[in-house]
């Protein structure tokens, strides 16, 4: 399971500067220029493991996690003209890491270069063919620095055993940190004036505004907004102490009843003499945790659309009832 914190940017004891990446960033660079002489297995591990660890740490540790965040890391070498092989990782917060090694499938001429003994050596390291790209793959939990170190060691071994890499070619790394979330201003409270402006911007006429309560009056402020003949009453609640800011609103409106239902209620034994049936609809919106202005506009737009749809359906029901009554009268 990937850690929830990214490392602080300071040089490690190996002299490798940690990789710092934020949401929306993409980094691509040569991380090992290549040695003038061939390296044996031990020297290759000494040279590459600290570098691979730093990049893996950046790919699998997170802060300020949002739903949909993910990172993609790939280490690659060009082993021949137009022939690239790679080790890659897909990481998401609180999920095992997907680890893939190129198989060459769907990527000639890498398929021929990796065929035979090289593929067998990669399989012997614990990988099987699978996934959309038919790569060698496996999933691994990353819960500690020890896990990162073990994976880094295995990556170098893949290069040495699977790719016959001896340190003379440059190695490139590409790291992408992306997600579905976007940075936007959020609000945990609004003033009555803020809400009035949103209603006005959506075609409502703010006909009455009761000012913010003073120290001697704890009554919650309200505004009345009119559109298509229907009043919406907005009542504010959860006031921030000593501020004209509120963390919750209640929208309410009295809407039409179909004529048949209205007549039935008026004639019932429980109906008060001269009383008029009223249907009140309401909804409460809380801003705790933070909401965007776009979210607020969308909620009020939904409210407006709901009132309009109720009005349409009520009038349609009345027309159907009237048509049925006329049909009975004619016959």
Protein backbone atom coordinates (compact mmCIF):
# COMPACT_ATOMS: atom_id res chain seq x y z
CA UNK A 1 0.00 0.00 0.00
CA UNK A 2 1.57 3.30 -1.04
CA UNK A 3 2.55 5.72 1.70
CA UNK A 4 0.57 8.94 2.12
CA UNK A 5 3.55 11.30 2.44
CA UNK A 6 6.07 12.45 -0.13
CA UNK A 7 9.65 12.93 1.10
CA UNK A 8 11.10 16.30 1.98
CA UNK A 9 13.58 17.64 -0.57
CA UNK A 10 17.01 17.04 0.95
CA UNK A 11 20.05 15.17 -0.30
CA UNK A 12 20.31 11.58 0.94
CA UNK A 13 23.42 10.02 2.43
CA UNK A 14 24.13 8.56 -1.03
CA UNK A 15 24.34 12.05 -2.52
CA UNK A 16 21.17 11.53 -4.58
CA UNK A 17 18.77 14.46 -4.44
CA UNK A 18 15.16 13.31 -3.91
CA UNK A 19 12.81 13.81 -6.83
CA UNK A 20 10.11 16.39 -6.08
CA UNK A 21 6.96 16.22 -8.18
CA UNK A 22 3.48 17.71 -7.81
CA UNK A 23 0.11 16.96 -9.33
CA UNK A 24 0.20 17.76 -13.04
CA UNK A 25 4.01 17.50 -13.30
CA UNK A 26 5.94 15.41 -15.79
CA UNK A 27 9.69 14.86 -15.47
CA UNK A 28 11.89 13.16 -18.04
CA UNK A 29 15.67 13.02 -17.92
CA UNK A 30 18.78 10.88 -18.28
CA UNK A 31 19.43 9.48 -14.81
CA UNK A 32 22.58 7.51 -15.66
CA UNK A 33 24.85 8.66 -18.49
CA UNK A 34 26.58 5.33 -18.90
CA UNK A 35 30.03 4.11 -17.94
CA UNK A 36 33.08 4.02 -20.21
CA UNK A 37 33.76 0.50 -19.05
CA UNK A 38 31.49 -2.47 -18.53
CA UNK A 39 30.27 -2.94 -14.97
CA UNK A 40 29.90 -6.23 -13.18
CA UNK A 41 26.76 -7.07 -11.21
CA UNK A 42 28.02 -5.63 -7.93
CA UNK A 43 29.22 -2.33 -9.41
CA UNK A 44 25.99 -1.94 -11.35
CA UNK A 45 23.92 -2.32 -8.19
CA UNK A 46 26.12 0.17 -6.33
CA UNK A 47 25.78 2.72 -9.15
CA UNK A 48 22.07 2.38 -9.86
CA UNK A 49 20.20 1.35 -6.71
CA UNK A 50 20.31 4.80 -5.00
CA UNK A 51 19.07 6.47 -8.18
CA UNK A 52 16.23 4.01 -8.71
CA UNK A 53 15.23 4.30 -5.04
CA UNK A 54 14.89 8.09 -5.32
CA UNK A 55 12.60 7.85 -8.35
CA UNK A 56 10.52 5.05 -6.85
CA UNK A 57 10.07 7.07 -3.67
CA UNK A 58 8.70 9.97 -5.71
CA UNK A 59 6.32 7.66 -7.56
CA UNK A 60 4.77 5.85 -4.61
CA UNK A 61 4.59 8.36 -1.77
CA UNK A 62 1.90 11.03 -1.55
CA UNK A 63 0.63 14.08 0.25
CA UNK A 64 -2.65 16.00 -0.14
CA UNK A 65 -4.14 12.91 -1.74
CA UNK A 66 -7.20 13.38 -3.95
CA UNK A 67 -9.45 10.76 -5.50
CA UNK A 68 -8.08 9.75 -8.90
CA UNK A 69 -4.43 10.61 -8.17
CA UNK A 70 -1.88 8.35 -9.83
CA UNK A 71 1.73 8.32 -10.97
CA UNK A 72 3.52 6.56 -13.80
CA UNK A 73 7.26 5.84 -13.75
CA UNK A 74 9.34 4.26 -16.49
CA UNK A 75 13.05 3.41 -16.70
CA UNK A 76 14.20 2.74 -20.27
CA UNK A 77 17.27 2.03 -22.38
CA UNK A 78 17.77 1.90 -26.15
CA UNK A 79 19.50 -1.45 -26.67
CA UNK A 80 19.62 -1.18 -30.47
CA UNK A 81 18.37 1.19 -33.20
CA UNK A 82 14.59 1.67 -32.75
CA UNK A 83 14.66 -0.92 -29.98
CA UNK A 84 13.75 0.20 -26.48
CA UNK A 85 13.19 -1.92 -23.39
CA UNK A 86 11.86 -0.70 -20.08
CA UNK A 87 10.68 -1.29 -16.53
CA UNK A 88 7.59 0.68 -15.54
CA UNK A 89 5.34 1.26 -12.53
CA UNK A 90 1.78 2.47 -12.04
CA UNK A 91 1.01 3.77 -8.56
CA UNK A 92 -2.17 4.97 -6.81
CA UNK A 93 -2.59 6.02 -3.17
CA UNK A 94 -3.49 3.16 -0.82
CA UNK A 95 -3.19 0.57 -3.61
CA UNK A 96 -0.53 -2.02 -4.49
CA UNK A 97 1.86 -0.85 -7.19
CA UNK A 98 1.61 -2.38 -10.67
CA UNK A 99 5.05 -3.35 -11.93
CA UNK A 100 5.69 -4.19 -15.59
CA UNK A 101 8.70 -5.20 -17.67
CA UNK A 102 8.61 -4.89 -21.44
CA UNK A 103 8.00 -8.14 -23.28
CA UNK A 104 8.31 -6.70 -26.77
CA UNK A 105 4.78 -7.80 -27.69
CA UNK A 106 3.20 -5.25 -30.05
CA UNK A 107 6.56 -3.46 -30.21
CA UNK A 108 8.85 -4.84 -32.93
CA UNK A 109 11.81 -5.16 -33.13
CA UNK A 110 11.93 -5.33 -29.31
CA UNK A 111 9.95 -8.58 -29.49
CA UNK A 112 12.79 -10.37 -31.30
CA UNK A 113 15.45 -8.81 -29.08
CA UNK A 114 13.69 -10.02 -25.91
CA UNK A 115 12.72 -13.46 -27.23
CA UNK A 116 14.29 -16.64 -25.90
CA UNK A 117 16.68 -16.57 -22.95
CA UNK A 118 16.10 -12.93 -22.02
CA UNK A 119 12.36 -13.51 -21.59
CA UNK A 120 13.03 -16.69 -19.61
CA UNK A 121 15.33 -14.80 -17.23
CA UNK A 122 12.66 -12.13 -16.66
CA UNK A 123 10.05 -14.80 -15.94
CA UNK A 124 12.46 -16.41 -13.47
CA UNK A 125 12.44 -13.14 -11.50
CA UNK A 126 8.75 -13.63 -10.70
CA UNK A 127 6.89 -12.07 -13.63
CA UNK A 128 4.15 -13.46 -15.87
CA UNK A 129 2.72 -12.17 -19.14
CA UNK A 130 -0.52 -10.23 -18.73
CA UNK A 131 -2.28 -6.89 -18.92
CA UNK A 132 -3.45 -4.92 -21.95
CA UNK A 133 0.06 -4.62 -23.41
CA UNK A 134 0.97 -8.28 -22.78
CA UNK A 135 3.98 -7.22 -20.73
CA UNK A 136 5.61 -9.14 -17.92
CA UNK A 137 3.84 -7.89 -14.83
CA UNK A 138 3.11 -8.31 -11.14
CA UNK A 139 1.68 -6.23 -8.29
CA UNK A 140 3.58 -5.36 -5.12
CA UNK A 141 2.74 -3.56 -1.86
CA UNK A 142 4.91 -0.57 -0.99
CA UNK A 143 4.57 0.08 2.74
CA UNK A 144 8.06 1.08 3.82
CA UNK A 145 11.50 2.30 2.82
CA UNK A 146 12.56 -1.34 2.94
CA UNK A 147 10.00 -2.22 0.27
CA UNK A 148 11.31 0.57 -1.95
CA UNK A 149 14.89 -0.63 -1.48
CA UNK A 150 13.94 -4.21 -2.35
CA UNK A 151 12.15 -3.14 -5.53
CA UNK A 152 15.07 -0.90 -6.55
CA UNK A 153 17.44 -3.83 -6.15
CA UNK A 154 15.14 -6.00 -8.28
CA UNK A 155 14.94 -3.33 -11.00
CA UNK A 156 18.73 -3.29 -11.32
CA UNK A 157 18.72 -7.08 -11.47
CA UNK A 158 16.17 -6.98 -14.31
CA UNK A 159 18.46 -4.66 -16.24
CA UNK A 160 21.45 -6.92 -15.60
CA UNK A 161 19.83 -10.33 -16.14
CA UNK A 162 16.87 -9.58 -18.38
CA UNK A 163 18.33 -6.83 -20.58
CA UNK A 164 22.02 -7.90 -20.46
CA UNK A 165 22.79 -4.35 -19.35
CA UNK A 166 26.39 -3.71 -18.29
CA UNK A 167 26.27 0.01 -17.62
CA UNK A 168 27.58 1.42 -20.90
CA UNK A 169 24.27 2.81 -22.19
CA UNK A 170 22.39 5.82 -20.80
CA UNK A 171 19.23 5.15 -18.78
CA UNK A 172 16.26 7.50 -19.01
CA UNK A 173 13.49 7.98 -16.48
CA UNK A 174 10.05 9.50 -16.99
CA UNK A 175 7.73 10.29 -14.10
CA UNK A 176 4.18 11.59 -14.48
CA UNK A 177 2.03 12.59 -11.51
CA UNK A 178 -1.56 13.23 -12.53
CA UNK A 179 -5.12 13.00 -11.30
CA UNK A 180 -8.72 13.86 -11.97
CA UNK A 181 -8.93 16.62 -9.36
CA UNK A 182 -8.40 20.30 -10.15
CA UNK A 183 -7.23 23.15 -7.96
CA UNK A 184 -10.11 25.53 -7.26
CA UNK A 185 -11.04 28.02 -4.57
CA UNK A 186 -13.39 26.53 -1.98
CA UNK A 187 -15.64 28.14 0.61
CA UNK A 188 -16.93 26.84 3.93
CA UNK A 189 -19.30 29.76 4.50
CA UNK A 190 -21.16 32.52 2.62
CA UNK A 191 -22.76 35.85 3.46
CA UNK A 192 -26.42 36.52 2.60
CA UNK A 193 -25.12 39.00 0.01
CA UNK A 194 -23.06 36.24 -1.63
CA UNK A 195 -26.09 33.99 -1.99
CA UNK A 196 -28.26 36.88 -3.20
CA UNK A 197 -25.81 37.56 -6.02
CA UNK A 198 -25.87 33.93 -7.14
CA UNK A 199 -29.69 33.87 -7.20
CA UNK A 200 -29.76 37.18 -9.09
CA UNK A 201 -27.25 35.85 -11.61
CA UNK A 202 -29.57 32.91 -12.30
CA UNK A 203 -32.56 35.09 -13.10
CA UNK A 204 -34.21 35.36 -9.68
CA UNK A 205 -35.38 38.71 -8.38
CA UNK A 206 -34.30 39.25 -4.81
CA UNK A 207 -37.36 41.04 -3.49
CA UNK A 208 -36.69 41.09 0.21
CA UNK A 209 -33.54 40.84 2.27
CA UNK A 210 -33.56 40.81 6.05
CA UNK A 211 -30.21 42.22 7.25
CA UNK A 212 -27.78 40.23 9.31
CA UNK A 213 -28.87 39.87 12.93
CA UNK A 214 -27.34 42.20 15.52
CA UNK A 215 -25.96 41.22 18.90
CA UNK A 216 -29.39 41.47 20.55
CA UNK A 217 -31.25 39.55 17.87
CA UNK A 218 -30.32 35.93 17.21
CA UNK A 219 -32.88 35.39 14.45
CA UNK A 220 -31.29 33.88 11.35
CA UNK A 221 -31.34 36.19 8.32
CA UNK A 222 -33.48 35.29 5.32
CA UNK A 223 -33.83 36.41 1.72
CA UNK A 224 -36.80 35.96 -0.61
CA UNK A 225 -36.16 35.36 -4.30
CA UNK A 226 -38.87 35.28 -6.96
CA UNK A 227 -38.90 33.55 -10.34
CA UNK A 228 -41.82 32.43 -12.53
CA UNK A 229 -44.23 33.56 -9.82
CA UNK A 230 -42.75 31.31 -7.13
CA UNK A 231 -40.92 32.58 -4.07
CA UNK A 232 -37.86 30.81 -2.73
CA UNK A 233 -37.09 31.61 0.89
CA UNK A 234 -33.42 31.20 1.80
CA UNK A 235 -32.74 30.83 5.50
CA UNK A 236 -29.18 30.97 6.82
CA UNK A 237 -27.86 28.86 9.68
CA UNK A 238 -24.62 27.79 11.40
CA UNK A 239 -23.25 31.30 11.75
CA UNK A 240 -19.53 31.78 12.31
CA UNK A 241 -19.10 33.60 15.60
CA UNK A 242 -19.12 37.41 15.29
CA UNK A 243 -19.11 37.24 11.49
CA UNK A 244 -21.76 37.68 8.82
CA UNK A 245 -20.88 34.23 7.46
CA UNK A 246 -23.05 31.11 7.47
CA UNK A 247 -22.15 27.48 6.91
CA UNK A 248 -25.58 26.17 5.96
CA UNK A 249 -28.65 27.34 4.04
CA UNK A 250 -32.19 26.03 3.72
CA UNK A 251 -34.13 26.69 0.52
CA UNK A 252 -37.91 26.45 0.77
CA UNK A 253 -40.82 27.23 -1.55
CA UNK A 254 -44.61 26.87 -1.52
CA UNK A 255 -45.63 25.22 -4.78
CA UNK A 256 -48.89 24.50 -6.58
CA UNK A 257 -50.94 21.40 -5.92
CA UNK A 258 -52.90 19.71 -8.72
CA UNK A 259 -56.53 20.90 -8.66
CA UNK A 260 -57.88 17.44 -7.79
CA UNK A 261 -55.52 17.08 -4.83
CA UNK A 262 -56.21 20.63 -3.69
CA UNK A 263 -59.98 20.01 -3.77
CA UNK A 264 -59.63 16.70 -1.92
CA UNK A 265 -57.61 18.27 0.88
CA UNK A 266 -59.98 21.23 1.23
CA UNK A 267 -62.98 18.93 1.57
CA UNK A 268 -61.43 16.61 4.12
CA UNK A 269 -62.86 16.56 7.65
CA UNK A 270 -59.52 17.65 9.09
CA UNK A 271 -59.28 20.74 6.89
CA UNK A 272 -59.77 24.06 8.73
CA UNK A 273 -62.66 26.19 7.51
CA UNK A 274 -61.51 28.53 4.78
CA UNK A 275 -58.04 26.96 4.80
CA UNK A 276 -55.97 26.70 1.64
CA UNK A 277 -53.77 23.60 1.15
CA UNK A 278 -50.08 24.39 0.66
CA UNK A 279 -47.24 22.12 -0.41
CA UNK A 280 -43.84 23.27 0.85
CA UNK A 281 -40.68 21.78 -0.60
CA UNK A 282 -37.26 22.38 0.91
CA UNK A 283 -33.63 21.34 0.78
CA UNK A 284 -30.66 21.99 3.07
CA UNK A 285 -27.11 22.56 1.80
CA UNK A 286 -24.11 22.49 4.15
CA UNK A 287 -20.76 23.98 3.16
CA UNK A 288 -18.61 22.17 5.73
CA UNK A 289 -15.48 20.73 4.16
CA UNK A 290 -15.50 23.41 1.48
CA UNK A 291 -17.49 23.86 -1.73
CA UNK A 292 -16.68 25.67 -4.95
CA UNK A 293 -18.66 28.54 -6.40
CA UNK A 294 -19.43 26.25 -9.34
CA UNK A 295 -20.94 23.72 -6.92
CA UNK A 296 -23.14 26.39 -5.33
CA UNK A 297 -24.36 27.63 -8.71
CA UNK A 298 -25.13 24.03 -9.73
CA UNK A 299 -27.20 23.41 -6.58
CA UNK A 300 -29.29 26.56 -7.07
CA UNK A 301 -29.70 25.73 -10.76
CA UNK A 302 -30.98 22.28 -9.77
CA UNK A 303 -33.42 23.89 -7.35
CA UNK A 304 -34.69 26.23 -10.06
CA UNK A 305 -35.09 23.33 -12.50
CA UNK A 306 -36.96 21.27 -9.89
CA UNK A 307 -39.46 24.07 -9.25
CA UNK A 308 -39.96 24.57 -12.99
CA UNK A 309 -40.51 20.84 -13.55
CA UNK A 310 -43.03 20.65 -10.69
CA UNK A 311 -44.90 23.61 -12.16
CA UNK A 312 -44.97 21.92 -15.60
CA UNK A 313 -46.19 18.57 -14.25
CA UNK A 314 -48.87 20.20 -12.10
CA UNK A 315 -50.28 22.16 -15.02
CA UNK A 316 -50.18 19.06 -17.19
CA UNK A 317 -52.11 17.10 -14.54
CA UNK A 318 -54.72 19.85 -14.42
CA UNK A 319 -55.12 19.78 -18.21
CA UNK A 320 -55.55 16.01 -18.20
CA UNK A 321 -58.13 16.23 -15.42
CA UNK A 322 -60.04 19.00 -17.22
CA UNK A 323 -60.02 17.05 -20.48
CA UNK A 324 -61.41 13.99 -18.70
CA UNK A 325 -64.15 16.09 -17.08
CA UNK A 326 -65.12 17.64 -20.43
CA UNK A 327 -65.20 14.20 -22.05
CA UNK A 328 -67.56 12.91 -19.35
CA UNK A 329 -69.78 16.01 -19.73
CA UNK A 330 -70.09 15.63 -23.51
CA UNK A 331 -71.08 11.98 -23.24
